[in-house]
Amino acid sequence: MTSTGADGPFETLVGRNAILEVFRAGRRRIRRVYVAETAEARGALAALLEHAEKARIVVERVARERLPGGEEAHGVAAEAEPYPYSDLGEILDRAEARREPVLILLLDAVQDPQNLGTLLRTAEAVGVHGVILPYRKGVGVTPAVVRVSSGASEHLLVARENLAQAIGRLKDLGTRVVGLDMGAAGPSLADIDLRGPVGLVVGGEGSGLRRLVRESCDGLVRLPMRGRIASLNAAVAGSLALYAAWAQRGYAGASIDPLPKS
């Protein structure tokens, strides 16, 4: 839910962990926090309230049934500025600052907030330098996605670009762009070298990679499977591929930009 006040547009975020990570990341302003009257200030909620107090943000206690987001809020909601999208240049700068070969996740028309949130959570866990979403196709970083990602979205650089053009730019810069296609007749993901600069493209639910995006990739790869059900959803397939890339890199950079626990 998005609302506009005198000080600009705000959206309602829910979930203790998600809102705590918004505070920790410090990339967007929180205007107000709502806490259920019966919620006990411990764990993530205690840390969240401490951040709110330091920032002098209004905390309003409300009846649980009046809390935005209902049961999904887990006792807390907040009004925050819209998600701050990045761009491809900033993503490339992050890789250079870390002195690492670029690792970018590109998502082609992922529609389900649950899938996108899960992919963003995995992407942050393995330390990708950024995520690229298409301008018009697929879901963006909505409050639902922030909640599903447990706030991992707040620590990621996520850009919205013309996907085919972004792939072309990456290729011009020497980045190998690989499309994950469950029906591809090409090599298995385990058989290709992912240690250098890589852009990994994951298609949307059902339709997979769109034709122009598919043709823009350097090649297509598949995940090896031995079971009778030869398919995985976008979130699972993309997460496995990201870990495969990180594994080939020797699980480099086990700790990235450490943050305080509270």
C-alpha atoms as a PDB file:
ATOM      1  CA  MET A   1       0.000   0.000   0.000  1.00  0.00           C
ATOM      2  CA  THR A   2       1.379   3.418  -1.014  1.00  0.00           C
ATOM      3  CA  SER A   3       0.232   6.797   0.283  1.00  0.00           C
ATOM      4  CA  THR A   4       1.316  10.360  -0.427  1.00  0.00           C
ATOM      5  CA  GLY A   5       1.648  13.035   2.202  1.00  0.00           C
ATOM      6  CA  ALA A   6       3.109  16.511   2.402  1.00  0.00           C
ATOM      7  CA  ASP A   7       6.595  15.023   2.651  1.00  0.00           C
ATOM      8  CA  GLY A   8       6.251  12.675  -0.345  1.00  0.00           C
ATOM      9  CA  PRO A   9       5.060   9.142  -1.110  1.00  0.00           C
ATOM     10  CA  PHE A  10       5.356   6.386   1.476  1.00  0.00           C
ATOM     11  CA  GLU A  11       4.555   2.683   1.422  1.00  0.00           C
ATOM     12  CA  THR A  12       3.582   0.378   4.252  1.00  0.00           C
ATOM     13  CA  LEU A  13       6.087  -2.321   5.147  1.00  0.00           C
ATOM     14  CA  VAL A  14       5.337  -5.221   7.476  1.00  0.00           C
ATOM     15  CA  GLY A  15       7.370  -7.782   9.362  1.00  0.00           C
ATOM     16  CA  ARG A  16       9.898  -7.357  12.153  1.00  0.00           C
ATOM     17  CA  ASN A  17      12.962  -8.611  10.310  1.00  0.00           C
ATOM     18  CA  ALA A  18      12.141  -6.735   7.110  1.00  0.00           C
ATOM     19  CA  ILE A  19      11.677  -3.400   8.893  1.00  0.00           C
ATOM     20  CA  LEU A  20      14.766  -3.938  11.041  1.00  0.00           C
ATOM     21  CA  GLU A  21      16.850  -4.387   7.874  1.00  0.00           C
ATOM     22  CA  VAL A  22      15.398  -1.173   6.433  1.00  0.00           C
ATOM     23  CA  PHE A  23      16.710   0.597   9.523  1.00  0.00           C
ATOM     24  CA  ARG A  24      20.089  -1.163   9.362  1.00  0.00           C
ATOM     25  CA  ALA A  25      20.605  -0.456   5.655  1.00  0.00           C
ATOM     26  CA  GLY A  26      19.703   3.218   6.095  1.00  0.00           C
ATOM     27  CA  ARG A  27      18.841   3.701   2.415  1.00  0.00           C
ATOM     28  CA  ARG A  28      15.318   5.016   2.851  1.00  0.00           C
ATOM     29  CA  ARG A  29      13.534   7.071   5.468  1.00  0.00           C
ATOM     30  CA  ILE A  30      10.954   5.625   7.805  1.00  0.00           C
ATOM     31  CA  ARG A  31       8.261   8.079   8.841  1.00  0.00           C
ATOM     32  CA  ARG A  32       6.291   6.131  11.432  1.00  0.00           C
ATOM     33  CA  VAL A  33       6.246   2.715  13.114  1.00  0.00           C
ATOM     34  CA  TYR A  34       3.108   0.894  14.272  1.00  0.00           C
ATOM     35  CA  VAL A  35       3.390  -1.801  16.930  1.00  0.00           C
ATOM     36  CA  ALA A  36       0.639  -4.071  18.211  1.00  0.00           C
ATOM     37  CA  GLU A  37      -0.312  -3.273  21.813  1.00  0.00           C
ATOM     38  CA  THR A  38       0.297  -6.866  22.868  1.00  0.00           C
ATOM     39  CA  ALA A  39       3.686  -7.249  21.137  1.00  0.00           C
ATOM     40  CA  GLU A  40       6.609  -7.795  23.504  1.00  0.00           C
ATOM     41  CA  ALA A  41       9.750  -5.786  22.783  1.00  0.00           C
ATOM     42  CA  ARG A  42      12.302  -8.564  22.381  1.00  0.00           C
ATOM     43  CA  GLY A  43      14.611  -9.821  19.672  1.00  0.00           C
ATOM     44  CA  ALA A  44      14.168  -8.109  16.309  1.00  0.00           C
ATOM     45  CA  LEU A  45      11.366  -5.901  17.632  1.00  0.00           C
ATOM     46  CA  ALA A  46      13.525  -4.605  20.481  1.00  0.00           C
ATOM     47  CA  ALA A  47      16.341  -3.787  18.053  1.00  0.00           C
ATOM     48  CA  LEU A  48      13.881  -2.118  15.672  1.00  0.00           C
ATOM     49  CA  LEU A  49      12.446   0.055  18.446  1.00  0.00           C
ATOM     50  CA  GLU A  50      15.949   1.049  19.507  1.00  0.00           C
ATOM     51  CA  HIS A  51      16.671   2.260  15.966  1.00  0.00           C
ATOM     52  CA  ALA A  52      13.383   4.183  15.930  1.00  0.00           C
ATOM     53  CA  GLU A  53      14.180   5.856  19.241  1.00  0.00           C
ATOM     54  CA  LYS A  54      17.638   6.919  18.077  1.00  0.00           C
ATOM     55  CA  ALA A  55      16.158   8.348  14.875  1.00  0.00           C
ATOM     56  CA  ARG A  56      13.319  10.035  16.814  1.00  0.00           C
ATOM     57  CA  ILE A  57      10.673   8.264  14.761  1.00  0.00           C
ATOM     58  CA  VAL A  58       7.132   8.181  16.090  1.00  0.00           C
ATOM     59  CA  VAL A  59       6.142   4.725  17.383  1.00  0.00           C
ATOM     60  CA  GLU A  60       2.382   4.241  17.706  1.00  0.00           C
ATOM     61  CA  ARG A  61       0.894   1.382  19.687  1.00  0.00           C
ATOM     62  CA  VAL A  62      -2.331   0.114  18.099  1.00  0.00           C
ATOM     63  CA  ALA A  63      -4.751  -2.751  18.596  1.00  0.00           C
ATOM     64  CA  ARG A  64      -3.511  -5.836  16.727  1.00  0.00           C
ATOM     65  CA  GLU A  65      -6.636  -5.914  14.546  1.00  0.00           C
ATOM     66  CA  ARG A  66      -5.920  -2.348  13.374  1.00  0.00           C
ATOM     67  CA  LEU A  67      -2.315  -3.066  12.420  1.00  0.00           C
ATOM     68  CA  PRO A  68      -1.602  -2.718   8.668  1.00  0.00           C
ATOM     69  CA  GLY A  69      -0.818  -6.052   7.063  1.00  0.00           C
ATOM     70  CA  GLY A  70      -2.832  -8.174   9.471  1.00  0.00           C
ATOM     71  CA  GLU A  71      -1.218 -11.440  10.579  1.00  0.00           C
ATOM     72  CA  GLU A  72       1.654 -11.040   8.092  1.00  0.00           C
ATOM     73  CA  ALA A  73       2.843  -7.993  10.045  1.00  0.00           C
ATOM     74  CA  HIS A  74       3.862 -10.136  13.045  1.00  0.00           C
ATOM     75  CA  GLY A  75       3.054  -7.244  15.316  1.00  0.00           C
ATOM     76  CA  VAL A  76       4.812  -4.382  13.510  1.00  0.00           C
ATOM     77  CA  ALA A  77       4.385  -2.174  10.440  1.00  0.00           C
ATOM     78  CA  ALA A  78       6.100   0.959   9.200  1.00  0.00           C
ATOM     79  CA  GLU A  79       5.610   3.768   6.717  1.00  0.00           C
ATOM     80  CA  ALA A  80       8.750   4.095   4.565  1.00  0.00           C
ATOM     81  CA  GLU A  81       9.886   5.865   1.427  1.00  0.00           C
ATOM     82  CA  PRO A  82       9.581   3.818  -1.798  1.00  0.00           C
ATOM     83  CA  TYR A  83      12.341   1.354  -2.596  1.00  0.00           C
ATOM     84  CA  PRO A  84      15.518   3.101  -3.872  1.00  0.00           C
ATOM     85  CA  TYR A  85      16.372   1.453  -7.204  1.00  0.00           C
ATOM     86  CA  SER A  86      19.949   1.547  -8.436  1.00  0.00           C
ATOM     87  CA  ASP A  87      21.397   1.266 -11.956  1.00  0.00           C
ATOM     88  CA  LEU A  88      23.805  -0.990 -13.808  1.00  0.00           C
ATOM     89  CA  GLY A  89      26.686   1.464 -13.436  1.00  0.00           C
ATOM     90  CA  GLU A  90      26.416   1.443  -9.653  1.00  0.00           C
ATOM     91  CA  ILE A  91      26.320  -2.364  -9.650  1.00  0.00           C
ATOM     92  CA  LEU A  92      29.512  -2.519 -11.718  1.00  0.00           C
ATOM     93  CA  ASP A  93      31.127   0.005  -9.371  1.00  0.00           C
ATOM     94  CA  ARG A  94      30.353  -2.241  -6.395  1.00  0.00           C
ATOM     95  CA  ALA A  95      32.125  -5.179  -8.041  1.00  0.00           C
ATOM     96  CA  GLU A  96      35.132  -2.979  -8.767  1.00  0.00           C
ATOM     97  CA  ALA A  97      35.202  -1.667  -5.193  1.00  0.00           C
ATOM     98  CA  ARG A  98      35.261  -5.226  -3.882  1.00  0.00           C
ATOM     99  CA  ARG A  99      37.918  -6.171  -6.449  1.00  0.00           C
ATOM    100  CA  GLU A 100      35.839  -9.144  -7.561  1.00  0.00           C
ATOM    101  CA  PRO A 101      34.728 -10.413 -10.976  1.00  0.00           C
ATOM    102  CA  VAL A 102      31.196  -9.178 -11.386  1.00  0.00           C
ATOM    103  CA  LEU A 103      28.320 -11.502 -10.472  1.00  0.00           C
ATOM    104  CA  ILE A 104      24.906 -10.180 -11.471  1.00  0.00           C
ATOM    105  CA  LEU A 105      21.487 -11.830 -11.315  1.00  0.00           C
ATOM    106  CA  LEU A 106      19.128 -10.817 -14.131  1.00  0.00           C
ATOM    107  CA  LEU A 107      15.470 -11.779 -13.780  1.00  0.00           C
ATOM    108  CA  ASP A 108      13.277 -11.970 -16.854  1.00  0.00           C
ATOM    109  CA  ALA A 109       9.621 -11.305 -16.010  1.00  0.00           C
ATOM    110  CA  VAL A 110       9.384 -13.018 -12.628  1.00  0.00           C
ATOM    111  CA  GLN A 111       5.769 -12.364 -11.614  1.00  0.00           C
ATOM    112  CA  ASP A 112       5.399 -13.898  -8.159  1.00  0.00           C
ATOM    113  CA  PRO A 113       6.484 -11.739  -5.177  1.00  0.00           C
ATOM    114  CA  GLN A 114       7.275 -14.939  -3.273  1.00  0.00           C
ATOM    115  CA  ASN A 115       9.727 -16.057  -5.966  1.00  0.00           C
ATOM    116  CA  LEU A 116      11.341 -12.636  -6.290  1.00  0.00           C
ATOM    117  CA  GLY A 117      11.692 -12.246  -2.527  1.00  0.00           C
ATOM    118  CA  THR A 118      13.308 -15.671  -2.247  1.00  0.00           C
ATOM    119  CA  LEU A 119      15.717 -14.942  -5.097  1.00  0.00           C
ATOM    120  CA  LEU A 120      16.723 -11.606  -3.562  1.00  0.00           C
ATOM    121  CA  ARG A 121      17.343 -13.313  -0.230  1.00  0.00           C
ATOM    122  CA  THR A 122      19.618 -15.871  -1.891  1.00  0.00           C
ATOM    123  CA  ALA A 123      21.339 -13.209  -4.006  1.00  0.00           C
ATOM    124  CA  GLU A 124      22.211 -11.227  -0.883  1.00  0.00           C
ATOM    125  CA  ALA A 125      23.380 -14.361   0.916  1.00  0.00           C
ATOM    126  CA  VAL A 126      25.923 -15.259  -1.793  1.00  0.00           C
ATOM    127  CA  GLY A 127      27.085 -11.668  -2.235  1.00  0.00           C
ATOM    128  CA  VAL A 128      25.983 -10.799  -5.759  1.00  0.00           C
ATOM    129  CA  HIS A 129      26.948  -7.304  -6.820  1.00  0.00           C
ATOM    130  CA  GLY A 130      23.470  -6.506  -8.037  1.00  0.00           C
ATOM    131  CA  VAL A 131      20.155  -7.652  -9.471  1.00  0.00           C
ATOM    132  CA  ILE A 132      18.557  -6.393 -12.673  1.00  0.00           C
ATOM    133  CA  LEU A 133      14.800  -6.474 -13.265  1.00  0.00           C
ATOM    134  CA  PRO A 134      13.050  -5.488 -16.500  1.00  0.00           C
ATOM    135  CA  TYR A 135      11.298  -2.121 -16.718  1.00  0.00           C
ATOM    136  CA  ARG A 136       7.799  -3.348 -17.425  1.00  0.00           C
ATOM    137  CA  LYS A 137       7.640  -7.133 -17.193  1.00  0.00           C
ATOM    138  CA  GLY A 138       7.525  -8.781 -13.810  1.00  0.00           C
ATOM    139  CA  VAL A 139       7.092  -7.657 -10.245  1.00  0.00           C
ATOM    140  CA  GLY A 140       9.252  -4.940  -8.692  1.00  0.00           C
ATOM    141  CA  VAL A 141      10.515  -4.607  -5.127  1.00  0.00           C
ATOM    142  CA  THR A 142       7.120  -4.211  -3.487  1.00  0.00           C
ATOM    143  CA  PRO A 143       6.422  -4.319   0.271  1.00  0.00           C
ATOM    144  CA  ALA A 144       5.430  -7.980  -0.160  1.00  0.00           C
ATOM    145  CA  VAL A 145       8.808  -8.727  -1.761  1.00  0.00           C
ATOM    146  CA  VAL A 146      10.639  -6.921   1.047  1.00  0.00           C
ATOM    147  CA  ARG A 147       8.785  -9.043   3.605  1.00  0.00           C
ATOM    148  CA  VAL A 148       9.487 -12.340   1.814  1.00  0.00           C
ATOM    149  CA  SER A 149      13.165 -11.428   1.448  1.00  0.00           C
ATOM    150  CA  SER A 150      13.328 -10.699   5.207  1.00  0.00           C
ATOM    151  CA  GLY A 151      14.771  -7.309   4.294  1.00  0.00           C
ATOM    152  CA  ALA A 152      17.610  -8.702   2.137  1.00  0.00           C
ATOM    153  CA  SER A 153      16.352  -6.395  -0.609  1.00  0.00           C
ATOM    154  CA  GLU A 154      17.524  -3.402   1.457  1.00  0.00           C
ATOM    155  CA  HIS A 155      21.185  -4.469   1.234  1.00  0.00           C
ATOM    156  CA  LEU A 156      21.085  -5.202  -2.508  1.00  0.00           C
ATOM    157  CA  LEU A 157      21.554  -2.951  -5.496  1.00  0.00           C
ATOM    158  CA  VAL A 158      18.488  -3.630  -7.642  1.00  0.00           C
ATOM    159  CA  ALA A 159      18.139  -1.904 -11.005  1.00  0.00           C
ATOM    160  CA  ARG A 160      15.251  -1.744 -13.476  1.00  0.00           C
ATOM    161  CA  GLU A 161      16.621  -1.763 -17.017  1.00  0.00           C
ATOM    162  CA  ASN A 162      15.815  -2.820 -20.552  1.00  0.00           C
ATOM    163  CA  LEU A 163      17.035  -6.378 -20.065  1.00  0.00           C
ATOM    164  CA  ALA A 164      18.313  -6.992 -23.601  1.00  0.00           C
ATOM    165  CA  GLN A 165      20.218  -3.688 -23.572  1.00  0.00           C
ATOM    166  CA  ALA A 166      21.687  -4.421 -20.134  1.00  0.00           C
ATOM    167  CA  ILE A 167      22.853  -7.827 -21.394  1.00  0.00           C
ATOM    168  CA  GLY A 168      24.438  -6.169 -24.414  1.00  0.00           C
ATOM    169  CA  ARG A 169      26.295  -3.696 -22.237  1.00  0.00           C
ATOM    170  CA  LEU A 170      27.566  -6.454 -19.952  1.00  0.00           C
ATOM    171  CA  LYS A 171      28.814  -8.456 -22.923  1.00  0.00           C
ATOM    172  CA  ASP A 172      30.588  -5.370 -24.320  1.00  0.00           C
ATOM    173  CA  LEU A 173      32.404  -5.097 -20.976  1.00  0.00           C
ATOM    174  CA  GLY A 174      33.547  -8.715 -21.136  1.00  0.00           C
ATOM    175  CA  THR A 175      30.921 -10.277 -18.889  1.00  0.00           C
ATOM    176  CA  ARG A 176      29.704 -13.726 -19.870  1.00  0.00           C
ATOM    177  CA  VAL A 177      25.885 -13.784 -19.816  1.00  0.00           C
ATOM    178  CA  VAL A 178      24.367 -17.202 -19.222  1.00  0.00           C
ATOM    179  CA  GLY A 179      20.664 -18.005 -19.431  1.00  0.00           C
ATOM    180  CA  LEU A 180      19.224 -20.689 -17.188  1.00  0.00           C
ATOM    181  CA  ASP A 181      16.838 -22.792 -19.274  1.00  0.00           C
ATOM    182  CA  MET A 182      15.431 -26.004 -17.852  1.00  0.00           C
ATOM    183  CA  GLY A 183      14.633 -27.289 -21.345  1.00  0.00           C
ATOM    184  CA  ALA A 184      17.946 -26.359 -22.923  1.00  0.00           C
ATOM    185  CA  ALA A 185      19.905 -28.995 -24.805  1.00  0.00           C
ATOM    186  CA  GLY A 186      23.138 -27.234 -23.905  1.00  0.00           C
ATOM    187  CA  PRO A 187      25.657 -27.981 -21.157  1.00  0.00           C
ATOM    188  CA  SER A 188      24.881 -28.499 -17.510  1.00  0.00           C
ATOM    189  CA  LEU A 189      25.524 -25.561 -15.206  1.00  0.00           C
ATOM    190  CA  ALA A 190      28.152 -27.695 -13.469  1.00  0.00           C
ATOM    191  CA  ASP A 191      30.135 -27.982 -16.713  1.00  0.00           C
ATOM    192  CA  ILE A 192      30.734 -24.282 -17.391  1.00  0.00           C
ATOM    193  CA  ASP A 193      33.201 -21.881 -15.808  1.00  0.00           C
ATOM    194  CA  LEU A 194      31.471 -19.310 -13.591  1.00  0.00           C
ATOM    195  CA  ARG A 195      34.594 -17.936 -11.906  1.00  0.00           C
ATOM    196  CA  GLY A 196      34.991 -14.897 -14.160  1.00  0.00           C
ATOM    197  CA  PRO A 197      32.573 -11.988 -14.731  1.00  0.00           C
ATOM    198  CA  VAL A 198      29.115 -13.554 -15.051  1.00  0.00           C
ATOM    199  CA  GLY A 199      25.554 -12.407 -15.560  1.00  0.00           C
ATOM    200  CA  LEU A 200      23.090 -15.164 -14.694  1.00  0.00           C
ATOM    201  CA  VAL A 201      19.657 -14.825 -16.322  1.00  0.00           C
ATOM    202  CA  VAL A 202      16.648 -16.577 -14.792  1.00  0.00           C
ATOM    203  CA  GLY A 203      13.309 -16.650 -16.607  1.00  0.00           C
ATOM    204  CA  GLY A 204       9.840 -16.105 -15.237  1.00  0.00           C
ATOM    205  CA  GLU A 205       7.343 -18.657 -14.068  1.00  0.00           C
ATOM    206  CA  GLY A 206       5.938 -20.866 -16.785  1.00  0.00           C
ATOM    207  CA  SER A 207       7.224 -19.150 -19.923  1.00  0.00           C
ATOM    208  CA  GLY A 208      10.896 -19.006 -18.945  1.00  0.00           C
ATOM    209  CA  LEU A 209      13.189 -16.700 -20.904  1.00  0.00           C
ATOM    210  CA  ARG A 210      11.596 -14.438 -23.500  1.00  0.00           C
ATOM    211  CA  ARG A 211      12.882 -14.816 -27.061  1.00  0.00           C
ATOM    212  CA  LEU A 212      14.861 -11.557 -27.267  1.00  0.00           C
ATOM    213  CA  VAL A 213      16.451 -12.137 -23.869  1.00  0.00           C
ATOM    214  CA  ARG A 214      17.262 -15.733 -24.759  1.00  0.00           C
ATOM    215  CA  GLU A 215      18.914 -14.668 -28.038  1.00  0.00           C
ATOM    216  CA  SER A 216      20.910 -11.965 -26.230  1.00  0.00           C
ATOM    217  CA  CYS A 217      22.617 -14.487 -23.918  1.00  0.00           C
ATOM    218  CA  ASP A 218      26.023 -15.945 -24.742  1.00  0.00           C
ATOM    219  CA  GLY A 219      24.576 -19.380 -24.119  1.00  0.00           C
ATOM    220  CA  LEU A 220      21.962 -21.422 -22.287  1.00  0.00           C
ATOM    221  CA  VAL A 221      22.586 -23.937 -19.529  1.00  0.00           C
ATOM    222  CA  ARG A 222      20.455 -26.382 -17.588  1.00  0.00           C
ATOM    223  CA  LEU A 223      20.450 -27.731 -14.070  1.00  0.00           C
ATOM    224  CA  PRO A 224      21.201 -31.474 -13.961  1.00  0.00           C
ATOM    225  CA  MET A 225      18.322 -33.512 -12.527  1.00  0.00           C
ATOM    226  CA  ARG A 226      17.815 -37.238 -12.048  1.00  0.00           C
ATOM    227  CA  GLY A 227      14.288 -37.341 -10.656  1.00  0.00           C
ATOM    228  CA  ARG A 228      11.061 -38.017 -12.524  1.00  0.00           C
ATOM    229  CA  ILE A 229       9.793 -34.435 -12.179  1.00  0.00           C
ATOM    230  CA  ALA A 230      12.216 -32.566 -14.417  1.00  0.00           C
ATOM    231  CA  SER A 231      11.360 -29.045 -13.356  1.00  0.00           C
ATOM    232  CA  LEU A 232      12.038 -26.545 -10.590  1.00  0.00           C
ATOM    233  CA  ASN A 233      10.354 -23.220  -9.955  1.00  0.00           C
ATOM    234  CA  ALA A 234      12.184 -19.972 -10.702  1.00  0.00           C
ATOM    235  CA  ALA A 235      13.186 -19.295  -7.101  1.00  0.00           C
ATOM    236  CA  VAL A 236      14.651 -22.743  -6.479  1.00  0.00           C
ATOM    237  CA  ALA A 237      16.421 -22.962  -9.852  1.00  0.00           C
ATOM    238  CA  GLY A 238      17.874 -19.470  -9.550  1.00  0.00           C
ATOM    239  CA  SER A 239      19.003 -20.050  -5.963  1.00  0.00           C
ATOM    240  CA  LEU A 240      20.786 -23.282  -6.886  1.00  0.00           C
ATOM    241  CA  ALA A 241      22.509 -21.554  -9.808  1.00  0.00           C
ATOM    242  CA  LEU A 242      23.686 -18.676  -7.594  1.00  0.00           C
ATOM    243  CA  TYR A 243      25.197 -21.084  -5.094  1.00  0.00           C
ATOM    244  CA  ALA A 244      26.857 -23.003  -7.928  1.00  0.00           C
ATOM    245  CA  ALA A 245      28.525 -19.779  -9.090  1.00  0.00           C
ATOM    246  CA  TRP A 246      29.630 -18.897  -5.559  1.00  0.00           C
ATOM    247  CA  ALA A 247      30.960 -22.410  -5.012  1.00  0.00           C
ATOM    248  CA  GLN A 248      33.102 -22.185  -8.158  1.00  0.00           C
ATOM    249  CA  ARG A 249      34.525 -18.944  -6.802  1.00  0.00           C
ATOM    250  CA  GLY A 250      35.678 -20.835  -3.707  1.00  0.00           C
ATOM    251  CA  TYR A 251      32.974 -19.286  -1.513  1.00  0.00           C
ATOM    252  CA  ALA A 252      35.052 -16.130  -1.675  1.00  0.00           C
ATOM    253  CA  GLY A 253      34.269 -13.189   0.563  1.00  0.00           C
ATOM    254  CA  ALA A 254      32.470 -15.043   3.333  1.00  0.00           C
ATOM    255  CA  SER A 255      31.725 -11.768   5.125  1.00  0.00           C
ATOM    256  CA  ILE A 256      30.614  -8.685   3.179  1.00  0.00           C
ATOM    257  CA  ASP A 257      30.195  -5.199   4.632  1.00  0.00           C
ATOM    258  CA  PRO A 258      29.484  -6.427   8.183  1.00  0.00           C
ATOM    259  CA  LEU A 259      26.592  -4.701   9.903  1.00  0.00           C
ATOM    260  CA  PRO A 260      25.936  -4.256  13.615  1.00  0.00           C
ATOM    261  CA  LYS A 261      23.601  -6.788  15.207  1.00  0.00           C
ATOM    262  CA  SER A 262      21.220  -4.129  16.408  1.00  0.00           C
END
